[in-house]
């Protein structure tokens, strides 16, 4: 399942375009 999480995280990075804000954007999507 770790691979799936990594794939989703990488997908988020690709959509965001900026790795520095990927975590913040992901948190906004989750919450």
PDB file of N, CA and C in Angstrom:
ATOM      1  N   UNK A   1       0.832  -1.199   0.000  1.00  0.00           N
ATOM      2  CA  UNK A   1       0.000   0.000   0.000  1.00  0.00           C
ATOM      3  C   UNK A   1       0.872   1.255   0.000  1.00  0.00           C
ATOM      4  N   UNK A   2       2.139   1.096   0.442  1.00  0.00           N
ATOM      5  CA  UNK A   2       3.042   2.255   0.462  1.00  0.00           C
ATOM      6  C   UNK A   2       3.252   2.771  -0.954  1.00  0.00           C
ATOM      7  N   UNK A   3       3.388   1.848  -1.905  1.00  0.00           N
ATOM      8  CA  UNK A   3       3.604   2.255  -3.297  1.00  0.00           C
ATOM      9  C   UNK A   3       2.427   3.085  -3.788  1.00  0.00           C
ATOM     10  N   UNK A   4       1.217   2.683  -3.425  1.00  0.00           N
ATOM     11  CA  UNK A   4       0.031   3.422  -3.849  1.00  0.00           C
ATOM     12  C   UNK A   4       0.040   4.835  -3.292  1.00  0.00           C
ATOM     13  N   UNK A   5       0.436   4.966  -2.021  1.00  0.00           N
ATOM     14  CA  UNK A   5       0.488   6.294  -1.404  1.00  0.00           C
ATOM     15  C   UNK A   5       1.518   7.156  -2.123  1.00  0.00           C
ATOM     16  N   UNK A   6       2.675   6.568  -2.429  1.00  0.00           N
ATOM     17  CA  UNK A   6       3.727   7.319  -3.115  1.00  0.00           C
ATOM     18  C   UNK A   6       3.236   7.768  -4.488  1.00  0.00           C
ATOM     19  N   UNK A   7       2.533   6.893  -5.183  1.00  0.00           N
ATOM     20  CA  UNK A   7       2.019   7.236  -6.503  1.00  0.00           C
ATOM     21  C   UNK A   7       1.033   8.395  -6.415  1.00  0.00           C
ATOM     22  N   UNK A   8       0.162   8.364  -5.425  1.00  0.00           N
ATOM     23  CA  UNK A   8      -0.812   9.445  -5.252  1.00  0.00           C
ATOM     24  C   UNK A   8      -0.079  10.744  -4.913  1.00  0.00           C
ATOM     25  N   UNK A   9       0.932  10.653  -4.050  1.00  0.00           N
ATOM     26  CA  UNK A   9       1.675  11.843  -3.649  1.00  0.00           C
ATOM     27  C   UNK A   9       2.386  12.439  -4.860  1.00  0.00           C
ATOM     28  N   UNK A  10       2.991  11.569  -5.685  1.00  0.00           N
ATOM     29  CA  UNK A  10       3.666  12.036  -6.894  1.00  0.00           C
ATOM     30  C   UNK A  10       2.670  12.657  -7.852  1.00  0.00           C
ATOM     31  N   UNK A  11       1.477  12.094  -7.945  1.00  0.00           N
ATOM     32  CA  UNK A  11       0.433  12.636  -8.797  1.00  0.00           C
ATOM     33  C   UNK A  11       0.046  14.033  -8.313  1.00  0.00           C
ATOM     34  N   UNK A  12      -0.063  14.199  -6.995  1.00  0.00           N
ATOM     35  CA  UNK A  12      -0.390  15.514  -6.429  1.00  0.00           C
ATOM     36  C   UNK A  12       0.700  16.518  -6.783  1.00  0.00           C
ATOM     37  N   UNK A  13       1.962  16.090  -6.680  1.00  0.00           N
ATOM     38  CA  UNK A  13       3.072  16.980  -7.009  1.00  0.00           C
ATOM     39  C   UNK A  13       2.985  17.405  -8.466  1.00  0.00           C
ATOM     40  N   UNK A  14       2.660  16.464  -9.338  1.00  0.00           N
ATOM     41  CA  UNK A  14       2.572  16.779 -10.757  1.00  0.00           C
ATOM     42  C   UNK A  14       1.451  17.770 -11.032  1.00  0.00           C
ATOM     43  N   UNK A  15       0.326  17.599 -10.336  1.00  0.00           N
ATOM     44  CA  UNK A  15      -0.807  18.498 -10.540  1.00  0.00           C
ATOM     45  C   UNK A  15      -0.511  19.881  -9.981  1.00  0.00           C
ATOM     46  N   UNK A  16       0.152  19.928  -8.831  1.00  0.00           N
ATOM     47  CA  UNK A  16       0.451  21.216  -8.209  1.00  0.00           C
ATOM     48  C   UNK A  16       1.547  21.948  -8.971  1.00  0.00           C
ATOM     49  N   UNK A  17       2.536  21.196  -9.440  1.00  0.00           N
ATOM     50  CA  UNK A  17       3.626  21.813 -10.184  1.00  0.00           C
ATOM     51  C   UNK A  17       4.719  22.325  -9.275  1.00  0.00           C
ATOM     52  N   UNK A  18       4.384  22.672  -8.049  1.00  0.00           N
ATOM     53  CA  UNK A  18       5.390  23.177  -7.114  1.00  0.00           C
ATOM     54  C   UNK A  18       5.472  22.220  -5.930  1.00  0.00           C
ATOM     55  N   UNK A  19       6.610  21.563  -5.782  1.00  0.00           N
ATOM     56  CA  UNK A  19       6.767  20.555  -4.736  1.00  0.00           C
ATOM     57  C   UNK A  19       6.694  21.187  -3.346  1.00  0.00           C
ATOM     58  N   UNK A  20       7.115  22.439  -3.229  1.00  0.00           N
ATOM     59  CA  UNK A  20       7.155  23.086  -1.921  1.00  0.00           C
ATOM     60  C   UNK A  20       5.765  23.253  -1.342  1.00  0.00           C
ATOM     61  N   UNK A  21       4.757  23.407  -2.221  1.00  0.00           N
ATOM     62  CA  UNK A  21       3.401  23.643  -1.729  1.00  0.00           C
ATOM     63  C   UNK A  21       2.531  22.406  -1.882  1.00  0.00           C
ATOM     64  N   UNK A  22       3.116  21.289  -2.320  1.00  0.00           N
ATOM     65  CA  UNK A  22       2.326  20.081  -2.568  1.00  0.00           C
ATOM     66  C   UNK A  22       1.694  19.572  -1.271  1.00  0.00           C
ATOM     67  N   UNK A  23       2.449  19.625  -0.170  1.00  0.00           N
ATOM     68  CA  UNK A  23       1.912  19.117   1.088  1.00  0.00           C
ATOM     69  C   UNK A  23       0.740  19.966   1.559  1.00  0.00           C
ATOM     70  N   UNK A  24       0.869  21.282   1.474  1.00  0.00           N
ATOM     71  CA  UNK A  24      -0.210  22.175   1.899  1.00  0.00           C
ATOM     72  C   UNK A  24      -1.442  21.964   1.028  1.00  0.00           C
ATOM     73  N   UNK A  25      -1.240  21.845  -0.274  1.00  0.00           N
ATOM     74  CA  UNK A  25      -2.370  21.644  -1.182  1.00  0.00           C
ATOM     75  C   UNK A  25      -3.042  20.304  -0.903  1.00  0.00           C
ATOM     76  N   UNK A  26      -2.231  19.284  -0.625  1.00  0.00           N
ATOM     77  CA  UNK A  26      -2.797  17.964  -0.342  1.00  0.00           C
ATOM     78  C   UNK A  26      -3.619  18.022   0.931  1.00  0.00           C
ATOM     79  N   UNK A  27      -3.125  18.723   1.944  1.00  0.00           N
ATOM     80  CA  UNK A  27      -3.868  18.837   3.202  1.00  0.00           C
ATOM     81  C   UNK A  27      -5.193  19.546   2.954  1.00  0.00           C
ATOM     82  N   UNK A  28      -5.195  20.552   2.088  1.00  0.00           N
ATOM     83  CA  UNK A  28      -6.432  21.268   1.785  1.00  0.00           C
ATOM     84  C   UNK A  28      -7.422  20.330   1.105  1.00  0.00           C
ATOM     85  N   UNK A  29      -6.936  19.459   0.248  1.00  0.00           N
ATOM     86  CA  UNK A  29      -7.830  18.530  -0.449  1.00  0.00           C
ATOM     87  C   UNK A  29      -8.408  17.514   0.542  1.00  0.00           C
ATOM     88  N   UNK A  30      -7.562  17.034   1.473  1.00  0.00           N
ATOM     89  CA  UNK A  30      -8.005  16.012   2.419  1.00  0.00           C
ATOM     90  C   UNK A  30      -8.982  16.602   3.428  1.00  0.00           C
ATOM     91  N   UNK A  31      -8.744  17.831   3.837  1.00  0.00           N
ATOM     92  CA  UNK A  31      -9.595  18.422   4.869  1.00  0.00           C
ATOM     93  C   UNK A  31     -10.548  19.423   4.242  1.00  0.00           C
TER      94      UNK A  31
END
